[in-house]
Amino acid sequence: MVTFIILLNVRSNKITEIAEELAAMPEISEVYSVTGNYDLVVIVRTRSNDDVAELVTNRLALIEGIEQTDTMLAFKAFSKHDLESMFSI
């Protein structure tokens, strides 16, 4: 599994609407509204880099109100949570 963090700047009157739309996408596991330089932080867990490329360039680009994205690939998790067991059947 590949984890990406996407930081988004969105129009202020669209934050909730966009967050809810993103949270409904199967590839996106978490969406947070945050303070600071960005409006939303999105956690994406997919099987391949290609899945994220398609999500960012084809689907997020079509959402009106997203003004800028910054996508980061997570190399290694240092969390105490066992994420693989949470997503396995």
PDB file of N, CA and C in Angstrom:
ATOM      1  N   MET A   1       0.843  -1.178   0.000  1.00  0.00           N
ATOM      2  CA  MET A   1       0.000   0.000   0.000  1.00  0.00           C
ATOM      3  C   MET A   1       0.890   1.243   0.000  1.00  0.00           C
ATOM      4  N   VAL A   2       0.488   2.235  -0.786  1.00  0.00           N
ATOM      5  CA  VAL A   2       1.207   3.495  -0.905  1.00  0.00           C
ATOM      6  C   VAL A   2       0.372   4.584  -0.230  1.00  0.00           C
ATOM      7  N   THR A   3       1.032   5.409   0.584  1.00  0.00           N
ATOM      8  CA  THR A   3       0.333   6.494   1.273  1.00  0.00           C
ATOM      9  C   THR A   3       0.814   7.829   0.750  1.00  0.00           C
ATOM     10  N   PHE A   4      -0.140   8.687   0.440  1.00  0.00           N
ATOM     11  CA  PHE A   4       0.148  10.044   0.010  1.00  0.00           C
ATOM     12  C   PHE A   4      -0.590  11.017   0.916  1.00  0.00           C
ATOM     13  N   ILE A   5       0.012  12.173   1.101  1.00  0.00           N
ATOM     14  CA  ILE A   5      -0.642  13.271   1.808  1.00  0.00           C
ATOM     15  C   ILE A   5      -0.805  14.388   0.785  1.00  0.00           C
ATOM     16  N   ILE A   6      -2.034  14.854   0.632  1.00  0.00           N
ATOM     17  CA  ILE A   6      -2.297  15.948  -0.308  1.00  0.00           C
ATOM     18  C   ILE A   6      -2.760  17.151   0.499  1.00  0.00           C
ATOM     19  N   LEU A   7      -2.058  18.265   0.331  1.00  0.00           N
ATOM     20  CA  LEU A   7      -2.407  19.530   0.981  1.00  0.00           C
ATOM     21  C   LEU A   7      -3.142  20.374  -0.041  1.00  0.00           C
ATOM     22  N   LEU A   8      -4.280  20.926   0.362  1.00  0.00           N
ATOM     23  CA  LEU A   8      -5.093  21.689  -0.581  1.00  0.00           C
ATOM     24  C   LEU A   8      -5.392  23.087  -0.087  1.00  0.00           C
ATOM     25  N   ASN A   9      -5.350  24.027  -1.004  1.00  0.00           N
ATOM     26  CA  ASN A   9      -5.897  25.360  -0.797  1.00  0.00           C
ATOM     27  C   ASN A   9      -7.186  25.407  -1.605  1.00  0.00           C
ATOM     28  N   VAL A  10      -8.272  25.787  -0.924  1.00  0.00           N
ATOM     29  CA  VAL A  10      -9.577  25.856  -1.583  1.00  0.00           C
ATOM     30  C   VAL A  10     -10.244  27.188  -1.250  1.00  0.00           C
ATOM     31  N   ARG A  11     -11.239  27.533  -2.050  1.00  0.00           N
ATOM     32  CA  ARG A  11     -12.009  28.736  -1.742  1.00  0.00           C
ATOM     33  C   ARG A  11     -12.672  28.565  -0.389  1.00  0.00           C
ATOM     34  N   SER A  12     -12.629  29.591   0.433  1.00  0.00           N
ATOM     35  CA  SER A  12     -13.111  29.477   1.819  1.00  0.00           C
ATOM     36  C   SER A  12     -14.592  29.114   1.908  1.00  0.00           C
ATOM     37  N   ASN A  13     -15.373  29.524   0.946  1.00  0.00           N
ATOM     38  CA  ASN A  13     -16.797  29.191   0.998  1.00  0.00           C
ATOM     39  C   ASN A  13     -17.098  27.783   0.487  1.00  0.00           C
ATOM     40  N   LYS A  14     -16.057  27.026   0.108  1.00  0.00           N
ATOM     41  CA  LYS A  14     -16.233  25.681  -0.435  1.00  0.00           C
ATOM     42  C   LYS A  14     -15.568  24.598   0.416  1.00  0.00           C
ATOM     43  N   ILE A  15     -14.974  24.963   1.558  1.00  0.00           N
ATOM     44  CA  ILE A  15     -14.192  24.000   2.334  1.00  0.00           C
ATOM     45  C   ILE A  15     -15.022  22.775   2.715  1.00  0.00           C
ATOM     46  N   THR A  16     -16.160  22.970   3.317  1.00  0.00           N
ATOM     47  CA  THR A  16     -16.980  21.835   3.763  1.00  0.00           C
ATOM     48  C   THR A  16     -17.469  21.011   2.588  1.00  0.00           C
ATOM     49  N   GLU A  17     -17.950  21.659   1.557  1.00  0.00           N
ATOM     50  CA  GLU A  17     -18.460  20.960   0.378  1.00  0.00           C
ATOM     51  C   GLU A  17     -17.375  20.095  -0.266  1.00  0.00           C
ATOM     52  N   ILE A  18     -16.194  20.657  -0.444  1.00  0.00           N
ATOM     53  CA  ILE A  18     -15.093  19.921  -1.064  1.00  0.00           C
ATOM     54  C   ILE A  18     -14.623  18.798  -0.150  1.00  0.00           C
ATOM     55  N   ALA A  19     -14.522  19.063   1.147  1.00  0.00           N
ATOM     56  CA  ALA A  19     -14.095  18.031   2.089  1.00  0.00           C
ATOM     57  C   ALA A  19     -15.032  16.831   2.046  1.00  0.00           C
ATOM     58  N   GLU A  20     -16.320  17.076   2.008  1.00  0.00           N
ATOM     59  CA  GLU A  20     -17.290  15.981   1.950  1.00  0.00           C
ATOM     60  C   GLU A  20     -17.200  15.213   0.635  1.00  0.00           C
ATOM     61  N   GLU A  21     -16.991  15.922  -0.452  1.00  0.00           N
ATOM     62  CA  GLU A  21     -16.843  15.265  -1.757  1.00  0.00           C
ATOM     63  C   GLU A  21     -15.595  14.382  -1.769  1.00  0.00           C
ATOM     64  N   LEU A  22     -14.503  14.892  -1.226  1.00  0.00           N
ATOM     65  CA  LEU A  22     -13.268  14.117  -1.179  1.00  0.00           C
ATOM     66  C   LEU A  22     -13.416  12.891  -0.275  1.00  0.00           C
ATOM     67  N   ALA A  23     -14.040  13.070   0.870  1.00  0.00           N
ATOM     68  CA  ALA A  23     -14.193  11.971   1.824  1.00  0.00           C
ATOM     69  C   ALA A  23     -15.010  10.820   1.245  1.00  0.00           C
ATOM     70  N   ALA A  24     -15.841  11.092   0.265  1.00  0.00           N
ATOM     71  CA  ALA A  24     -16.662  10.056  -0.360  1.00  0.00           C
ATOM     72  C   ALA A  24     -15.892   9.225  -1.386  1.00  0.00           C
ATOM     73  N   MET A  25     -14.696   9.667  -1.762  1.00  0.00           N
ATOM     74  CA  MET A  25     -13.910   8.933  -2.756  1.00  0.00           C
ATOM     75  C   MET A  25     -13.239   7.728  -2.095  1.00  0.00           C
ATOM     76  N   PRO A  26     -13.316   6.558  -2.711  1.00  0.00           N
ATOM     77  CA  PRO A  26     -12.803   5.340  -2.071  1.00  0.00           C
ATOM     78  C   PRO A  26     -11.304   5.350  -1.778  1.00  0.00           C
ATOM     79  N   GLU A  27     -10.513   6.054  -2.571  1.00  0.00           N
ATOM     80  CA  GLU A  27      -9.067   6.082  -2.362  1.00  0.00           C
ATOM     81  C   GLU A  27      -8.666   6.939  -1.172  1.00  0.00           C
ATOM     82  N   ILE A  28      -9.554   7.836  -0.780  1.00  0.00           N
ATOM     83  CA  ILE A  28      -9.236   8.790   0.274  1.00  0.00           C
ATOM     84  C   ILE A  28      -9.720   8.237   1.605  1.00  0.00           C
ATOM     85  N   SER A  29      -8.775   8.068   2.537  1.00  0.00           N
ATOM     86  CA  SER A  29      -9.136   7.488   3.829  1.00  0.00           C
ATOM     87  C   SER A  29      -9.460   8.537   4.877  1.00  0.00           C
ATOM     88  N   GLU A  30      -8.881   9.736   4.759  1.00  0.00           N
ATOM     89  CA  GLU A  30      -9.127  10.775   5.753  1.00  0.00           C
ATOM     90  C   GLU A  30      -9.060  12.151   5.100  1.00  0.00           C
ATOM     91  N   VAL A  31      -9.894  13.063   5.598  1.00  0.00           N
ATOM     92  CA  VAL A  31      -9.867  14.464   5.174  1.00  0.00           C
ATOM     93  C   VAL A  31      -9.970  15.313   6.430  1.00  0.00           C
ATOM     94  N   TYR A  32      -9.059  16.264   6.567  1.00  0.00           N
ATOM     95  CA  TYR A  32      -9.050  17.156   7.731  1.00  0.00           C
ATOM     96  C   TYR A  32      -9.094  18.605   7.274  1.00  0.00           C
ATOM     97  N   SER A  33      -9.911  19.418   7.917  1.00  0.00           N
ATOM     98  CA  SER A  33      -9.782  20.865   7.750  1.00  0.00           C
ATOM     99  C   SER A  33      -8.764  21.300   8.809  1.00  0.00           C
ATOM    100  N   VAL A  34      -7.865  22.187   8.424  1.00  0.00           N
ATOM    101  CA  VAL A  34      -6.743  22.534   9.295  1.00  0.00           C
ATOM    102  C   VAL A  34      -6.488  24.040   9.297  1.00  0.00           C
ATOM    103  N   THR A  35      -5.688  24.470  10.264  1.00  0.00           N
ATOM    104  CA  THR A  35      -5.221  25.848  10.294  1.00  0.00           C
ATOM    105  C   THR A  35      -3.863  25.905   9.615  1.00  0.00           C
ATOM    106  N   GLY A  36      -3.426  27.099   9.304  1.00  0.00           N
ATOM    107  CA  GLY A  36      -2.095  27.252   8.717  1.00  0.00           C
ATOM    108  C   GLY A  36      -2.161  27.629   7.257  1.00  0.00           C
ATOM    109  N   ASN A  37      -1.151  27.184   6.513  1.00  0.00           N
ATOM    110  CA  ASN A  37      -1.007  27.569   5.113  1.00  0.00           C
ATOM    111  C   ASN A  37      -1.961  26.837   4.172  1.00  0.00           C
ATOM    112  N   TYR A  38      -2.575  25.768   4.639  1.00  0.00           N
ATOM    113  CA  TYR A  38      -3.481  24.986   3.808  1.00  0.00           C
ATOM    114  C   TYR A  38      -4.856  24.922   4.455  1.00  0.00           C
ATOM    115  N   ASP A  39      -5.847  24.589   3.663  1.00  0.00           N
ATOM    116  CA  ASP A  39      -7.222  24.496   4.151  1.00  0.00           C
ATOM    117  C   ASP A  39      -7.625  23.066   4.484  1.00  0.00           C
ATOM    118  N   LEU A  40      -7.169  22.115   3.660  1.00  0.00           N
ATOM    119  CA  LEU A  40      -7.521  20.713   3.849  1.00  0.00           C
ATOM    120  C   LEU A  40      -6.275  19.841   3.734  1.00  0.00           C
ATOM    121  N   VAL A  41      -6.232  18.793   4.527  1.00  0.00           N
ATOM    122  CA  VAL A  41      -5.213  17.765   4.419  1.00  0.00           C
ATOM    123  C   VAL A  41      -5.940  16.464   4.113  1.00  0.00           C
ATOM    124  N   VAL A  42      -5.482  15.799   3.060  1.00  0.00           N
ATOM    125  CA  VAL A  42      -6.130  14.576   2.594  1.00  0.00           C
ATOM    126  C   VAL A  42      -5.117  13.438   2.666  1.00  0.00           C
ATOM    127  N   ILE A  43      -5.531  12.311   3.257  1.00  0.00           N
ATOM    128  CA  ILE A  43      -4.693  11.122   3.315  1.00  0.00           C
ATOM    129  C   ILE A  43      -5.241  10.117   2.309  1.00  0.00           C
ATOM    130  N   VAL A  44      -4.361   9.685   1.412  1.00  0.00           N
ATOM    131  CA  VAL A  44      -4.740   8.761   0.348  1.00  0.00           C
ATOM    132  C   VAL A  44      -3.929   7.478   0.510  1.00  0.00           C
ATOM    133  N   ARG A  45      -4.598   6.348   0.481  1.00  0.00           N
ATOM    134  CA  ARG A  45      -3.918   5.055   0.530  1.00  0.00           C
ATOM    135  C   ARG A  45      -4.377   4.250  -0.677  1.00  0.00           C
ATOM    136  N   THR A  46      -3.422   3.929  -1.538  1.00  0.00           N
ATOM    137  CA  THR A  46      -3.746   3.194  -2.763  1.00  0.00           C
ATOM    138  C   THR A  46      -2.733   2.071  -2.967  1.00  0.00           C
ATOM    139  N   ARG A  47      -2.991   1.286  -3.963  1.00  0.00           N
ATOM    140  CA  ARG A  47      -2.076   0.184  -4.283  1.00  0.00           C
ATOM    141  C   ARG A  47      -0.900   0.636  -5.150  1.00  0.00           C
ATOM    142  N   SER A  48      -1.053   1.746  -5.876  1.00  0.00           N
ATOM    143  CA  SER A  48       0.032   2.157  -6.776  1.00  0.00           C
ATOM    144  C   SER A  48       0.109   3.673  -6.903  1.00  0.00           C
ATOM    145  N   ASN A  49       1.260   4.132  -7.348  1.00  0.00           N
ATOM    146  CA  ASN A  49       1.457   5.557  -7.629  1.00  0.00           C
ATOM    147  C   ASN A  49       0.545   6.019  -8.754  1.00  0.00           C
ATOM    148  N   ASP A  50       0.286   5.134  -9.707  1.00  0.00           N
ATOM    149  CA  ASP A  50      -0.578   5.488 -10.835  1.00  0.00           C
ATOM    150  C   ASP A  50      -1.985   5.859 -10.375  1.00  0.00           C
ATOM    151  N   ASP A  51      -2.471   5.182  -9.331  1.00  0.00           N
ATOM    152  CA  ASP A  51      -3.803   5.499  -8.805  1.00  0.00           C
ATOM    153  C   ASP A  51      -3.860   6.929  -8.276  1.00  0.00           C
ATOM    154  N   VAL A  52      -2.794   7.344  -7.617  1.00  0.00           N
ATOM    155  CA  VAL A  52      -2.752   8.714  -7.084  1.00  0.00           C
ATOM    156  C   VAL A  52      -2.601   9.718  -8.208  1.00  0.00           C
ATOM    157  N   ALA A  53      -1.795   9.391  -9.194  1.00  0.00           N
ATOM    158  CA  ALA A  53      -1.636  10.282 -10.346  1.00  0.00           C
ATOM    159  C   ALA A  53      -2.978  10.519 -11.030  1.00  0.00           C
ATOM    160  N   GLU A  54      -3.754   9.461 -11.192  1.00  0.00           N
ATOM    161  CA  GLU A  54      -5.072   9.598 -11.812  1.00  0.00           C
ATOM    162  C   GLU A  54      -5.994  10.432 -10.933  1.00  0.00           C
ATOM    163  N   LEU A  55      -5.961  10.200  -9.638  1.00  0.00           N
ATOM    164  CA  LEU A  55      -6.805  10.945  -8.703  1.00  0.00           C
ATOM    165  C   LEU A  55      -6.498  12.440  -8.759  1.00  0.00           C
ATOM    166  N   VAL A  56      -5.226  12.798  -8.669  1.00  0.00           N
ATOM    167  CA  VAL A  56      -4.838  14.213  -8.604  1.00  0.00           C
ATOM    168  C   VAL A  56      -5.023  14.910  -9.942  1.00  0.00           C
ATOM    169  N   THR A  57      -4.539  14.303 -11.007  1.00  0.00           N
ATOM    170  CA  THR A  57      -4.552  15.008 -12.294  1.00  0.00           C
ATOM    171  C   THR A  57      -5.891  14.955 -13.015  1.00  0.00           C
ATOM    172  N   ASN A  58      -6.669  13.906 -12.792  1.00  0.00           N
ATOM    173  CA  ASN A  58      -7.929  13.782 -13.525  1.00  0.00           C
ATOM    174  C   ASN A  58      -9.167  14.105 -12.698  1.00  0.00           C
ATOM    175  N   ARG A  59      -9.161  13.749 -11.425  1.00  0.00           N
ATOM    176  CA  ARG A  59     -10.379  13.936 -10.642  1.00  0.00           C
ATOM    177  C   ARG A  59     -10.341  15.189  -9.778  1.00  0.00           C
ATOM    178  N   LEU A  60      -9.274  15.400  -9.038  1.00  0.00           N
ATOM    179  CA  LEU A  60      -9.207  16.604  -8.202  1.00  0.00           C
ATOM    180  C   LEU A  60      -9.171  17.862  -9.060  1.00  0.00           C
ATOM    181  N   ALA A  61      -8.539  17.780 -10.196  1.00  0.00           N
ATOM    182  CA  ALA A  61      -8.444  18.941 -11.082  1.00  0.00           C
ATOM    183  C   ALA A  61      -9.813  19.408 -11.576  1.00  0.00           C
ATOM    184  N   LEU A  62     -10.793  18.534 -11.547  1.00  0.00           N
ATOM    185  CA  LEU A  62     -12.136  18.881 -12.022  1.00  0.00           C
ATOM    186  C   LEU A  62     -13.031  19.480 -10.943  1.00  0.00           C
ATOM    187  N   ILE A  63     -12.589  19.445  -9.691  1.00  0.00           N
ATOM    188  CA  ILE A  63     -13.413  19.946  -8.593  1.00  0.00           C
ATOM    189  C   ILE A  63     -13.282  21.459  -8.507  1.00  0.00           C
ATOM    190  N   GLU A  64     -14.391  22.138  -8.749  1.00  0.00           N
ATOM    191  CA  GLU A  64     -14.393  23.587  -8.705  1.00  0.00           C
ATOM    192  C   GLU A  64     -14.193  24.066  -7.267  1.00  0.00           C
ATOM    193  N   GLY A  65     -13.246  24.962  -7.094  1.00  0.00           N
ATOM    194  CA  GLY A  65     -12.966  25.512  -5.775  1.00  0.00           C
ATOM    195  C   GLY A  65     -11.605  25.105  -5.238  1.00  0.00           C
ATOM    196  N   ILE A  66     -11.028  24.020  -5.789  1.00  0.00           N
ATOM    197  CA  ILE A  66      -9.660  23.670  -5.416  1.00  0.00           C
ATOM    198  C   ILE A  66      -8.728  24.583  -6.195  1.00  0.00           C
ATOM    199  N   GLU A  67      -7.953  25.363  -5.463  1.00  0.00           N
ATOM    200  CA  GLU A  67      -7.076  26.344  -6.104  1.00  0.00           C
ATOM    201  C   GLU A  67      -5.646  25.856  -6.262  1.00  0.00           C
ATOM    202  N   GLN A  68      -5.184  25.005  -5.333  1.00  0.00           N
ATOM    203  CA  GLN A  68      -3.807  24.535  -5.390  1.00  0.00           C
ATOM    204  C   GLN A  68      -3.688  23.243  -4.599  1.00  0.00           C
ATOM    205  N   THR A  69      -2.837  22.331  -5.082  1.00  0.00           N
ATOM    206  CA  THR A  69      -2.547  21.110  -4.340  1.00  0.00           C
ATOM    207  C   THR A  69      -1.040  20.954  -4.195  1.00  0.00           C
ATOM    208  N   ASP A  70      -0.646  20.278  -3.143  1.00  0.00           N
ATOM    209  CA  ASP A  70       0.748  19.912  -2.911  1.00  0.00           C
ATOM    210  C   ASP A  70       0.713  18.464  -2.458  1.00  0.00           C
ATOM    211  N   THR A  71       1.267  17.560  -3.267  1.00  0.00           N
ATOM    212  CA  THR A  71       1.166  16.126  -3.008  1.00  0.00           C
ATOM    213  C   THR A  71       2.505  15.592  -2.519  1.00  0.00           C
ATOM    214  N   MET A  72       2.448  14.839  -1.415  1.00  0.00           N
ATOM    215  CA  MET A  72       3.658  14.267  -0.830  1.00  0.00           C
ATOM    216  C   MET A  72       3.500  12.755  -0.714  1.00  0.00           C
ATOM    217  N   LEU A  73       4.550  12.020  -1.053  1.00  0.00           N
ATOM    218  CA  LEU A  73       4.595  10.576  -0.898  1.00  0.00           C
ATOM    219  C   LEU A  73       5.191  10.254   0.465  1.00  0.00           C
ATOM    220  N   ALA A  74       4.526   9.408   1.226  1.00  0.00           N
ATOM    221  CA  ALA A  74       5.050   8.979   2.525  1.00  0.00           C
ATOM    222  C   ALA A  74       6.007   7.808   2.293  1.00  0.00           C
ATOM    223  N   PHE A  75       7.257   7.951   2.735  1.00  0.00           N
ATOM    224  CA  PHE A  75       8.245   6.885   2.572  1.00  0.00           C
ATOM    225  C   PHE A  75       8.089   5.792   3.627  1.00  0.00           C
ATOM    226  N   LYS A  76       7.956   6.210   4.879  1.00  0.00           N
ATOM    227  CA  LYS A  76       7.933   5.253   5.980  1.00  0.00           C
ATOM    228  C   LYS A  76       7.024   5.773   7.076  1.00  0.00           C
ATOM    229  N   ALA A  77       6.239   4.875   7.660  1.00  0.00           N
ATOM    230  CA  ALA A  77       5.338   5.253   8.756  1.00  0.00           C
ATOM    231  C   ALA A  77       6.021   4.974  10.091  1.00  0.00           C
ATOM    232  N   PHE A  78       5.918   5.921  10.997  1.00  0.00           N
ATOM    233  CA  PHE A  78       6.464   5.766  12.339  1.00  0.00           C
ATOM    234  C   PHE A  78       5.347   5.768  13.372  1.00  0.00           C
ATOM    235  N   SER A  79       4.145   5.504  12.927  1.00  0.00           N
ATOM    236  CA  SER A  79       2.976   5.511  13.793  1.00  0.00           C
ATOM    237  C   SER A  79       2.876   4.212  14.582  1.00  0.00           C
ATOM    238  N   LYS A  80       2.247   4.271  15.731  1.00  0.00           N
ATOM    239  CA  LYS A  80       1.992   3.075  16.525  1.00  0.00           C
ATOM    240  C   LYS A  80       0.791   2.301  15.995  1.00  0.00           C
ATOM    241  N   HIS A  81       0.028   2.902  15.104  1.00  0.00           N
ATOM    242  CA  HIS A  81      -1.157   2.253  14.548  1.00  0.00           C
ATOM    243  C   HIS A  81      -0.740   1.270  13.471  1.00  0.00           C
ATOM    244  N   ASP A  82      -1.342   0.097  13.477  1.00  0.00           N
ATOM    245  CA  ASP A  82      -1.086  -0.902  12.449  1.00  0.00           C
ATOM    246  C   ASP A  82      -2.117  -0.711  11.343  1.00  0.00           C
ATOM    247  N   LEU A  83      -1.797   0.153  10.401  1.00  0.00           N
ATOM    248  CA  LEU A  83      -2.755   0.517   9.360  1.00  0.00           C
ATOM    249  C   LEU A  83      -3.096  -0.656   8.446  1.00  0.00           C
ATOM    250  N   GLU A  84      -2.140  -1.533   8.169  1.00  0.00           N
ATOM    251  CA  GLU A  84      -2.424  -2.656   7.291  1.00  0.00           C
ATOM    252  C   GLU A  84      -3.524  -3.540   7.880  1.00  0.00           C
ATOM    253  N   SER A  85      -3.487  -3.796   9.181  1.00  0.00           N
ATOM    254  CA  SER A  85      -4.518  -4.652   9.776  1.00  0.00           C
ATOM    255  C   SER A  85      -5.874  -3.979   9.777  1.00  0.00           C
ATOM    256  N   MET A  86      -5.906  -2.642   9.832  1.00  0.00           N
ATOM    257  CA  MET A  86      -7.178  -1.935   9.796  1.00  0.00           C
ATOM    258  C   MET A  86      -7.871  -2.089   8.453  1.00  0.00           C
ATOM    259  N   PHE A  87      -7.101  -2.215   7.389  1.00  0.00           N
ATOM    260  CA  PHE A  87      -7.665  -2.265   6.050  1.00  0.00           C
ATOM    261  C   PHE A  87      -7.753  -3.679   5.488  1.00  0.00           C
ATOM    262  N   SER A  88      -7.261  -4.663   6.207  1.00  0.00           N
ATOM    263  CA  SER A  88      -7.339  -6.031   5.706  1.00  0.00           C
ATOM    264  C   SER A  88      -8.635  -6.684   6.161  1.00  0.00           C
ATOM    265  N   ILE A  89      -9.035  -7.694   5.434  1.00  0.00           N
ATOM    266  CA  ILE A  89     -10.288  -8.395   5.764  1.00  0.00           C
ATOM    267  C   ILE A  89      -9.984  -9.635   6.570  1.00  0.00           C
TER     268      ILE A  89
END
